[in-house]
Amino acid sequence: MREGAVAKSAAARRRRVEDTRRWRERLERGAACYQVEADAETFDLMVRLGLLAPADATNRRVVADALGKLLRRALGALKQEINSH
């Protein structure tokens, strides 16, 4: 096997190990992952709230983290609204 192919294979194994570790952590917490569609309005909102830098809009992991923060804020606001009635 060529040196480049070996390095790619090792990198793929490391990514898979990390993916598996995160999956097991989610299972333990009782959490699940879902794919979501985010439009320009959602990206603009995350930027305005300081959750996402415009330069990071193409970084899937950073965007996923920002979406998580946005969801947690929204859920917190909904809980407050429910409790105030």
PDB file of N, CA and C in Angstrom:
ATOM      1  N   MET A   1       0.854  -1.171   0.000  1.00  0.00           N
ATOM      2  CA  MET A   1       0.000   0.000   0.000  1.00  0.00           C
ATOM      3  C   MET A   1       0.903   1.237   0.000  1.00  0.00           C
ATOM      4  N   ARG A   2       0.492   2.257  -0.744  1.00  0.00           N
ATOM      5  CA  ARG A   2       1.279   3.484  -0.803  1.00  0.00           C
ATOM      6  C   ARG A   2       1.197   4.247   0.512  1.00  0.00           C
ATOM      7  N   GLU A   3       2.217   5.045   0.755  1.00  0.00           N
ATOM      8  CA  GLU A   3       2.295   5.809   2.011  1.00  0.00           C
ATOM      9  C   GLU A   3       1.086   6.722   2.191  1.00  0.00           C
ATOM     10  N   GLY A   4       0.651   7.405   1.122  1.00  0.00           N
ATOM     11  CA  GLY A   4      -0.509   8.294   1.195  1.00  0.00           C
ATOM     12  C   GLY A   4      -1.785   7.542   1.522  1.00  0.00           C
ATOM     13  N   ALA A   5      -1.934   6.351   0.940  1.00  0.00           N
ATOM     14  CA  ALA A   5      -3.124   5.540   1.199  1.00  0.00           C
ATOM     15  C   ALA A   5      -3.149   5.060   2.650  1.00  0.00           C
ATOM     16  N   VAL A   6      -1.982   4.726   3.180  1.00  0.00           N
ATOM     17  CA  VAL A   6      -1.888   4.283   4.576  1.00  0.00           C
ATOM     18  C   VAL A   6      -2.288   5.431   5.503  1.00  0.00           C
ATOM     19  N   ALA A   7      -1.805   6.639   5.220  1.00  0.00           N
ATOM     20  CA  ALA A   7      -2.127   7.798   6.049  1.00  0.00           C
ATOM     21  C   ALA A   7      -3.624   8.095   5.993  1.00  0.00           C
ATOM     22  N   LYS A   8      -4.219   7.996   4.782  1.00  0.00           N
ATOM     23  CA  LYS A   8      -5.653   8.237   4.649  1.00  0.00           C
ATOM     24  C   LYS A   8      -6.448   7.187   5.409  1.00  0.00           C
ATOM     25  N   SER A   9      -5.992   5.946   5.336  1.00  0.00           N
ATOM     26  CA  SER A   9      -6.674   4.865   6.030  1.00  0.00           C
ATOM     27  C   SER A   9      -6.608   5.071   7.547  1.00  0.00           C
ATOM     28  N   ALA A  10      -5.456   5.469   8.037  1.00  0.00           N
ATOM     29  CA  ALA A  10      -5.296   5.718   9.469  1.00  0.00           C
ATOM     30  C   ALA A  10      -6.168   6.895   9.906  1.00  0.00           C
ATOM     31  N   ALA A  11      -6.234   7.934   9.084  1.00  0.00           N
ATOM     32  CA  ALA A  11      -7.072   9.096   9.406  1.00  0.00           C
ATOM     33  C   ALA A  11      -8.545   8.695   9.420  1.00  0.00           C
ATOM     34  N   ALA A  12      -8.941   7.850   8.488  1.00  0.00           N
ATOM     35  CA  ALA A  12     -10.336   7.389   8.448  1.00  0.00           C
ATOM     36  C   ALA A  12     -10.661   6.574   9.698  1.00  0.00           C
ATOM     37  N   ARG A  13      -9.734   5.742  10.141  1.00  0.00           N
ATOM     38  CA  ARG A  13      -9.955   4.956  11.365  1.00  0.00           C
ATOM     39  C   ARG A  13     -10.097   5.868  12.575  1.00  0.00           C
ATOM     40  N   ARG A  14      -9.254   6.899  12.655  1.00  0.00           N
ATOM     41  CA  ARG A  14      -9.335   7.836  13.781  1.00  0.00           C
ATOM     42  C   ARG A  14     -10.679   8.559  13.790  1.00  0.00           C
ATOM     43  N   ARG A  15     -11.148   8.989  12.604  1.00  0.00           N
ATOM     44  CA  ARG A  15     -12.446   9.657  12.523  1.00  0.00           C
ATOM     45  C   ARG A  15     -13.564   8.714  12.951  1.00  0.00           C
ATOM     46  N   ARG A  16     -13.482   7.473  12.528  1.00  0.00           N
ATOM     47  CA  ARG A  16     -14.510   6.484  12.878  1.00  0.00           C
ATOM     48  C   ARG A  16     -14.520   6.219  14.392  1.00  0.00           C
ATOM     49  N   VAL A  17     -13.337   6.128  14.976  1.00  0.00           N
ATOM     50  CA  VAL A  17     -13.248   5.933  16.429  1.00  0.00           C
ATOM     51  C   VAL A  17     -13.878   7.117  17.151  1.00  0.00           C
ATOM     52  N   GLU A  18     -13.600   8.323  16.706  1.00  0.00           N
ATOM     53  CA  GLU A  18     -14.160   9.526  17.322  1.00  0.00           C
ATOM     54  C   GLU A  18     -15.681   9.569  17.132  1.00  0.00           C
ATOM     55  N   ASP A  19     -16.159   9.229  15.940  1.00  0.00           N
ATOM     56  CA  ASP A  19     -17.602   9.190  15.686  1.00  0.00           C
ATOM     57  C   ASP A  19     -18.284   8.196  16.626  1.00  0.00           C
ATOM     58  N   THR A  20     -17.672   7.030  16.790  1.00  0.00           N
ATOM     59  CA  THR A  20     -18.237   5.992  17.652  1.00  0.00           C
ATOM     60  C   THR A  20     -18.268   6.454  19.104  1.00  0.00           C
ATOM     61  N   ARG A  21     -17.204   7.127  19.553  1.00  0.00           N
ATOM     62  CA  ARG A  21     -17.160   7.648  20.917  1.00  0.00           C
ATOM     63  C   ARG A  21     -18.283   8.641  21.148  1.00  0.00           C
ATOM     64  N   ARG A  22     -18.501   9.575  20.217  1.00  0.00           N
ATOM     65  CA  ARG A  22     -19.570  10.567  20.366  1.00  0.00           C
ATOM     66  C   ARG A  22     -20.948   9.896  20.335  1.00  0.00           C
ATOM     67  N   TRP A  23     -21.122   8.890  19.479  1.00  0.00           N
ATOM     68  CA  TRP A  23     -22.386   8.166  19.390  1.00  0.00           C
ATOM     69  C   TRP A  23     -22.697   7.486  20.722  1.00  0.00           C
ATOM     70  N   ARG A  24     -21.687   6.847  21.326  1.00  0.00           N
ATOM     71  CA  ARG A  24     -21.897   6.178  22.617  1.00  0.00           C
ATOM     72  C   ARG A  24     -22.225   7.183  23.717  1.00  0.00           C
ATOM     73  N   GLU A  25     -21.575   8.344  23.699  1.00  0.00           N
ATOM     74  CA  GLU A  25     -21.879   9.386  24.687  1.00  0.00           C
ATOM     75  C   GLU A  25     -23.327   9.851  24.550  1.00  0.00           C
ATOM     76  N   ARG A  26     -23.784  10.026  23.297  1.00  0.00           N
ATOM     77  CA  ARG A  26     -25.176  10.433  23.080  1.00  0.00           C
ATOM     78  C   ARG A  26     -26.139   9.378  23.600  1.00  0.00           C
ATOM     79  N   LEU A  27     -25.838   8.122  23.345  1.00  0.00           N
ATOM     80  CA  LEU A  27     -26.697   7.043  23.844  1.00  0.00           C
ATOM     81  C   LEU A  27     -26.811   7.095  25.358  1.00  0.00           C
ATOM     82  N   GLU A  28     -25.683   7.291  26.036  1.00  0.00           N
ATOM     83  CA  GLU A  28     -25.678   7.349  27.499  1.00  0.00           C
ATOM     84  C   GLU A  28     -26.508   8.520  28.022  1.00  0.00           C
ATOM     85  N   ARG A  29     -26.494   9.634  27.293  1.00  0.00           N
ATOM     86  CA  ARG A  29     -27.256  10.817  27.710  1.00  0.00           C
ATOM     87  C   ARG A  29     -28.722  10.739  27.293  1.00  0.00           C
ATOM     88  N   GLY A  30     -29.041   9.764  26.456  1.00  0.00           N
ATOM     89  CA  GLY A  30     -30.406   9.662  25.937  1.00  0.00           C
ATOM     90  C   GLY A  30     -30.681  10.671  24.846  1.00  0.00           C
ATOM     91  N   ALA A  31     -29.639  11.106  24.164  1.00  0.00           N
ATOM     92  CA  ALA A  31     -29.770  12.106  23.110  1.00  0.00           C
ATOM     93  C   ALA A  31     -29.778  11.427  21.737  1.00  0.00           C
ATOM     94  N   ALA A  32     -30.192  12.180  20.736  1.00  0.00           N
ATOM     95  CA  ALA A  32     -30.199  11.685  19.366  1.00  0.00           C
ATOM     96  C   ALA A  32     -29.755  12.808  18.437  1.00  0.00           C
ATOM     97  N   CYS A  33     -29.287  12.450  17.271  1.00  0.00           N
ATOM     98  CA  CYS A  33     -28.883  13.428  16.260  1.00  0.00           C
ATOM     99  C   CYS A  33     -29.873  13.396  15.107  1.00  0.00           C
ATOM    100  N   TYR A  34     -30.158  14.571  14.578  1.00  0.00           N
ATOM    101  CA  TYR A  34     -31.057  14.699  13.440  1.00  0.00           C
ATOM    102  C   TYR A  34     -30.455  15.652  12.429  1.00  0.00           C
ATOM    103  N   GLN A  35     -30.717  15.385  11.178  1.00  0.00           N
ATOM    104  CA  GLN A  35     -30.309  16.333  10.153  1.00  0.00           C
ATOM    105  C   GLN A  35     -31.365  17.421  10.088  1.00  0.00           C
ATOM    106  N   VAL A  36     -30.927  18.655   9.989  1.00  0.00           N
ATOM    107  CA  VAL A  36     -31.851  19.773   9.863  1.00  0.00           C
ATOM    108  C   VAL A  36     -31.440  20.626   8.675  1.00  0.00           C
ATOM    109  N   GLU A  37     -32.408  21.299   8.128  1.00  0.00           N
ATOM    110  CA  GLU A  37     -32.147  22.202   7.018  1.00  0.00           C
ATOM    111  C   GLU A  37     -32.137  23.618   7.565  1.00  0.00           C
ATOM    112  N   ALA A  38     -31.071  24.343   7.310  1.00  0.00           N
ATOM    113  CA  ALA A  38     -30.954  25.728   7.771  1.00  0.00           C
ATOM    114  C   ALA A  38     -30.886  26.640   6.560  1.00  0.00           C
ATOM    115  N   ASP A  39     -31.727  27.665   6.560  1.00  0.00           N
ATOM    116  CA  ASP A  39     -31.738  28.598   5.446  1.00  0.00           C
ATOM    117  C   ASP A  39     -30.961  29.867   5.804  1.00  0.00           C
ATOM    118  N   ALA A  40     -30.941  30.808   4.887  1.00  0.00           N
ATOM    119  CA  ALA A  40     -30.184  32.044   5.091  1.00  0.00           C
ATOM    120  C   ALA A  40     -30.675  32.806   6.317  1.00  0.00           C
ATOM    121  N   GLU A  41     -31.986  32.778   6.558  1.00  0.00           N
ATOM    122  CA  GLU A  41     -32.542  33.478   7.721  1.00  0.00           C
ATOM    123  C   GLU A  41     -31.987  32.892   9.022  1.00  0.00           C
ATOM    124  N   THR A  42     -31.851  31.571   9.075  1.00  0.00           N
ATOM    125  CA  THR A  42     -31.303  30.913  10.266  1.00  0.00           C
ATOM    126  C   THR A  42     -29.841  31.290  10.453  1.00  0.00           C
ATOM    127  N   PHE A  43     -29.067  31.293   9.360  1.00  0.00           N
ATOM    128  CA  PHE A  43     -27.659  31.674   9.447  1.00  0.00           C
ATOM    129  C   PHE A  43     -27.538  33.118   9.911  1.00  0.00           C
ATOM    130  N   ASP A  44     -28.366  34.009   9.342  1.00  0.00           N
ATOM    131  CA  ASP A  44     -28.326  35.417   9.747  1.00  0.00           C
ATOM    132  C   ASP A  44     -28.638  35.568  11.231  1.00  0.00           C
ATOM    133  N   LEU A  45     -29.617  34.817  11.713  1.00  0.00           N
ATOM    134  CA  LEU A  45     -29.980  34.882  13.122  1.00  0.00           C
ATOM    135  C   LEU A  45     -28.822  34.418  14.003  1.00  0.00           C
ATOM    136  N   MET A  46     -28.178  33.329  13.627  1.00  0.00           N
ATOM    137  CA  MET A  46     -27.044  32.836  14.421  1.00  0.00           C
ATOM    138  C   MET A  46     -25.910  33.851  14.448  1.00  0.00           C
ATOM    139  N   VAL A  47     -25.683  34.534  13.326  1.00  0.00           N
ATOM    140  CA  VAL A  47     -24.638  35.568  13.279  1.00  0.00           C
ATOM    141  C   VAL A  47     -25.039  36.742  14.167  1.00  0.00           C
ATOM    142  N   ARG A  48     -26.289  37.209  14.050  1.00  0.00           N
ATOM    143  CA  ARG A  48     -26.761  38.353  14.854  1.00  0.00           C
ATOM    144  C   ARG A  48     -26.700  38.059  16.347  1.00  0.00           C
ATOM    145  N   LEU A  49     -26.950  36.819  16.729  1.00  0.00           N
ATOM    146  CA  LEU A  49     -26.915  36.446  18.145  1.00  0.00           C
ATOM    147  C   LEU A  49     -25.494  36.139  18.630  1.00  0.00           C
ATOM    148  N   GLY A  50     -24.526  36.209  17.744  1.00  0.00           N
ATOM    149  CA  GLY A  50     -23.143  35.943  18.127  1.00  0.00           C
ATOM    150  C   GLY A  50     -22.827  34.468  18.276  1.00  0.00           C
ATOM    151  N   LEU A  51     -23.658  33.622  17.712  1.00  0.00           N
ATOM    152  CA  LEU A  51     -23.438  32.183  17.805  1.00  0.00           C
ATOM    153  C   LEU A  51     -22.564  31.646  16.677  1.00  0.00           C
ATOM    154  N   LEU A  52     -22.451  32.428  15.600  1.00  0.00           N
ATOM    155  CA  LEU A  52     -21.717  31.991  14.420  1.00  0.00           C
ATOM    156  C   LEU A  52     -21.026  33.172  13.768  1.00  0.00           C
ATOM    157  N   ALA A  53     -19.747  33.028  13.493  1.00  0.00           N
ATOM    158  CA  ALA A  53     -19.019  34.050  12.739  1.00  0.00           C
ATOM    159  C   ALA A  53     -19.292  33.823  11.257  1.00  0.00           C
ATOM    160  N   PRO A  54     -19.501  34.883  10.489  1.00  0.00           N
ATOM    161  CA  PRO A  54     -19.777  34.704   9.057  1.00  0.00           C
ATOM    162  C   PRO A  54     -18.719  33.847   8.350  1.00  0.00           C
ATOM    163  N   ALA A  55     -17.482  33.962   8.766  1.00  0.00           N
ATOM    164  CA  ALA A  55     -16.406  33.198   8.118  1.00  0.00           C
ATOM    165  C   ALA A  55     -16.538  31.694   8.379  1.00  0.00           C
ATOM    166  N   ASP A  56     -17.296  31.306   9.401  1.00  0.00           N
ATOM    167  CA  ASP A  56     -17.452  29.891   9.748  1.00  0.00           C
ATOM    168  C   ASP A  56     -18.685  29.244   9.134  1.00  0.00           C
ATOM    169  N   ALA A  57     -19.399  29.965   8.291  1.00  0.00           N
ATOM    170  CA  ALA A  57     -20.661  29.464   7.746  1.00  0.00           C
ATOM    171  C   ALA A  57     -20.502  28.203   6.901  1.00  0.00           C
ATOM    172  N   THR A  58     -19.311  27.902   6.453  1.00  0.00           N
ATOM    173  CA  THR A  58     -19.099  26.685   5.652  1.00  0.00           C
ATOM    174  C   THR A  58     -18.497  25.550   6.474  1.00  0.00           C
ATOM    175  N   ASN A  59     -18.210  25.800   7.740  1.00  0.00           N
ATOM    176  CA  ASN A  59     -17.634  24.775   8.610  1.00  0.00           C
ATOM    177  C   ASN A  59     -18.785  24.025   9.284  1.00  0.00           C
ATOM    178  N   ARG A  60     -19.040  22.796   8.818  1.00  0.00           N
ATOM    179  CA  ARG A  60     -20.204  22.033   9.271  1.00  0.00           C
ATOM    180  C   ARG A  60     -20.226  21.824  10.788  1.00  0.00           C
ATOM    181  N   ARG A  61     -19.086  21.561  11.381  1.00  0.00           N
ATOM    182  CA  ARG A  61     -19.049  21.313  12.821  1.00  0.00           C
ATOM    183  C   ARG A  61     -19.375  22.592  13.603  1.00  0.00           C
ATOM    184  N   VAL A  62     -18.834  23.719  13.165  1.00  0.00           N
ATOM    185  CA  VAL A  62     -19.099  24.997  13.838  1.00  0.00           C
ATOM    186  C   VAL A  62     -20.571  25.371  13.678  1.00  0.00           C
ATOM    187  N   VAL A  63     -21.115  25.158  12.470  1.00  0.00           N
ATOM    188  CA  VAL A  63     -22.528  25.462  12.227  1.00  0.00           C
ATOM    189  C   VAL A  63     -23.408  24.563  13.092  1.00  0.00           C
ATOM    190  N   ALA A  64     -23.059  23.277  13.190  1.00  0.00           N
ATOM    191  CA  ALA A  64     -23.834  22.353  14.025  1.00  0.00           C
ATOM    192  C   ALA A  64     -23.826  22.807  15.481  1.00  0.00           C
ATOM    193  N   ASP A  65     -22.680  23.240  15.975  1.00  0.00           N
ATOM    194  CA  ASP A  65     -22.596  23.745  17.355  1.00  0.00           C
ATOM    195  C   ASP A  65     -23.473  24.984  17.526  1.00  0.00           C
ATOM    196  N   ALA A  66     -23.425  25.884  16.551  1.00  0.00           N
ATOM    197  CA  ALA A  66     -24.231  27.104  16.621  1.00  0.00           C
ATOM    198  C   ALA A  66     -25.719  26.778  16.580  1.00  0.00           C
ATOM    199  N   LEU A  67     -26.120  25.817  15.750  1.00  0.00           N
ATOM    200  CA  LEU A  67     -27.528  25.409  15.704  1.00  0.00           C
ATOM    201  C   LEU A  67     -27.965  24.819  17.042  1.00  0.00           C
ATOM    202  N   GLY A  68     -27.088  24.047  17.663  1.00  0.00           N
ATOM    203  CA  GLY A  68     -27.400  23.496  18.979  1.00  0.00           C
ATOM    204  C   GLY A  68     -27.615  24.589  20.000  1.00  0.00           C
ATOM    205  N   LYS A  69     -26.756  25.593  19.986  1.00  0.00           N
ATOM    206  CA  LYS A  69     -26.900  26.713  20.916  1.00  0.00           C
ATOM    207  C   LYS A  69     -28.194  27.479  20.649  1.00  0.00           C
ATOM    208  N   LEU A  70     -28.512  27.667  19.369  1.00  0.00           N
ATOM    209  CA  LEU A  70     -29.742  28.362  19.007  1.00  0.00           C
ATOM    210  C   LEU A  70     -30.963  27.581  19.499  1.00  0.00           C
ATOM    211  N   LEU A  71     -30.954  26.285  19.321  1.00  0.00           N
ATOM    212  CA  LEU A  71     -32.055  25.449  19.776  1.00  0.00           C
ATOM    213  C   LEU A  71     -32.203  25.514  21.294  1.00  0.00           C
ATOM    214  N   ARG A  72     -31.085  25.435  22.016  1.00  0.00           N
ATOM    215  CA  ARG A  72     -31.153  25.499  23.478  1.00  0.00           C
ATOM    216  C   ARG A  72     -31.707  26.843  23.948  1.00  0.00           C
ATOM    217  N   ARG A  73     -31.310  27.930  23.286  1.00  0.00           N
ATOM    218  CA  ARG A  73     -31.851  29.247  23.641  1.00  0.00           C
ATOM    219  C   ARG A  73     -33.352  29.304  23.377  1.00  0.00           C
ATOM    220  N   ALA A  74     -33.754  28.786  22.225  1.00  0.00           N
ATOM    221  CA  ALA A  74     -35.176  28.800  21.868  1.00  0.00           C
ATOM    222  C   ALA A  74     -35.986  27.973  22.859  1.00  0.00           C
ATOM    223  N   LEU A  75     -35.473  26.811  23.227  1.00  0.00           N
ATOM    224  CA  LEU A  75     -36.178  25.967  24.200  1.00  0.00           C
ATOM    225  C   LEU A  75     -36.271  26.657  25.554  1.00  0.00           C
ATOM    226  N   GLY A  76     -35.201  27.322  25.959  1.00  0.00           N
ATOM    227  CA  GLY A  76     -35.223  28.062  27.215  1.00  0.00           C
ATOM    228  C   GLY A  76     -36.266  29.167  27.198  1.00  0.00           C
ATOM    229  N   ALA A  77     -36.366  29.886  26.085  1.00  0.00           N
ATOM    230  CA  ALA A  77     -37.356  30.954  25.962  1.00  0.00           C
ATOM    231  C   ALA A  77     -38.767  30.382  25.987  1.00  0.00           C
ATOM    232  N   LEU A  78     -38.976  29.252  25.338  1.00  0.00           N
ATOM    233  CA  LEU A  78     -40.299  28.616  25.344  1.00  0.00           C
ATOM    234  C   LEU A  78     -40.678  28.143  26.746  1.00  0.00           C
ATOM    235  N   LYS A  79     -39.724  27.600  27.465  1.00  0.00           N
ATOM    236  CA  LYS A  79     -39.986  27.162  28.841  1.00  0.00           C
ATOM    237  C   LYS A  79     -40.397  28.343  29.712  1.00  0.00           C
ATOM    238  N   GLN A  80     -39.680  29.462  29.556  1.00  0.00           N
ATOM    239  CA  GLN A  80     -40.026  30.667  30.325  1.00  0.00           C
ATOM    240  C   GLN A  80     -41.427  31.146  29.979  1.00  0.00           C
ATOM    241  N   GLU A  81     -41.748  31.124  28.695  1.00  0.00           N
ATOM    242  CA  GLU A  81     -43.068  31.564  28.256  1.00  0.00           C
ATOM    243  C   GLU A  81     -44.150  30.663  28.846  1.00  0.00           C
ATOM    244  N   ILE A  82     -43.930  29.371  28.828  1.00  0.00           N
ATOM    245  CA  ILE A  82     -44.901  28.418  29.376  1.00  0.00           C
ATOM    246  C   ILE A  82     -45.061  28.648  30.875  1.00  0.00           C
ATOM    247  N   ASN A  83     -43.958  28.838  31.587  1.00  0.00           N
ATOM    248  CA  ASN A  83     -43.994  29.028  33.036  1.00  0.00           C
ATOM    249  C   ASN A  83     -44.613  30.365  33.447  1.00  0.00           C
ATOM    250  N   SER A  84     -44.614  31.333  32.552  1.00  0.00           N
ATOM    251  CA  SER A  84     -45.161  32.641  32.899  1.00  0.00           C
ATOM    252  C   SER A  84     -46.673  32.701  32.737  1.00  0.00           C
ATOM    253  N   HIS A  85     -47.257  31.675  32.166  1.00  0.00           N
ATOM    254  CA  HIS A  85     -48.730  31.676  31.976  1.00  0.00           C
ATOM    255  C   HIS A  85     -49.438  31.024  33.103  1.00  0.00           C
TER     256      HIS A  85
END
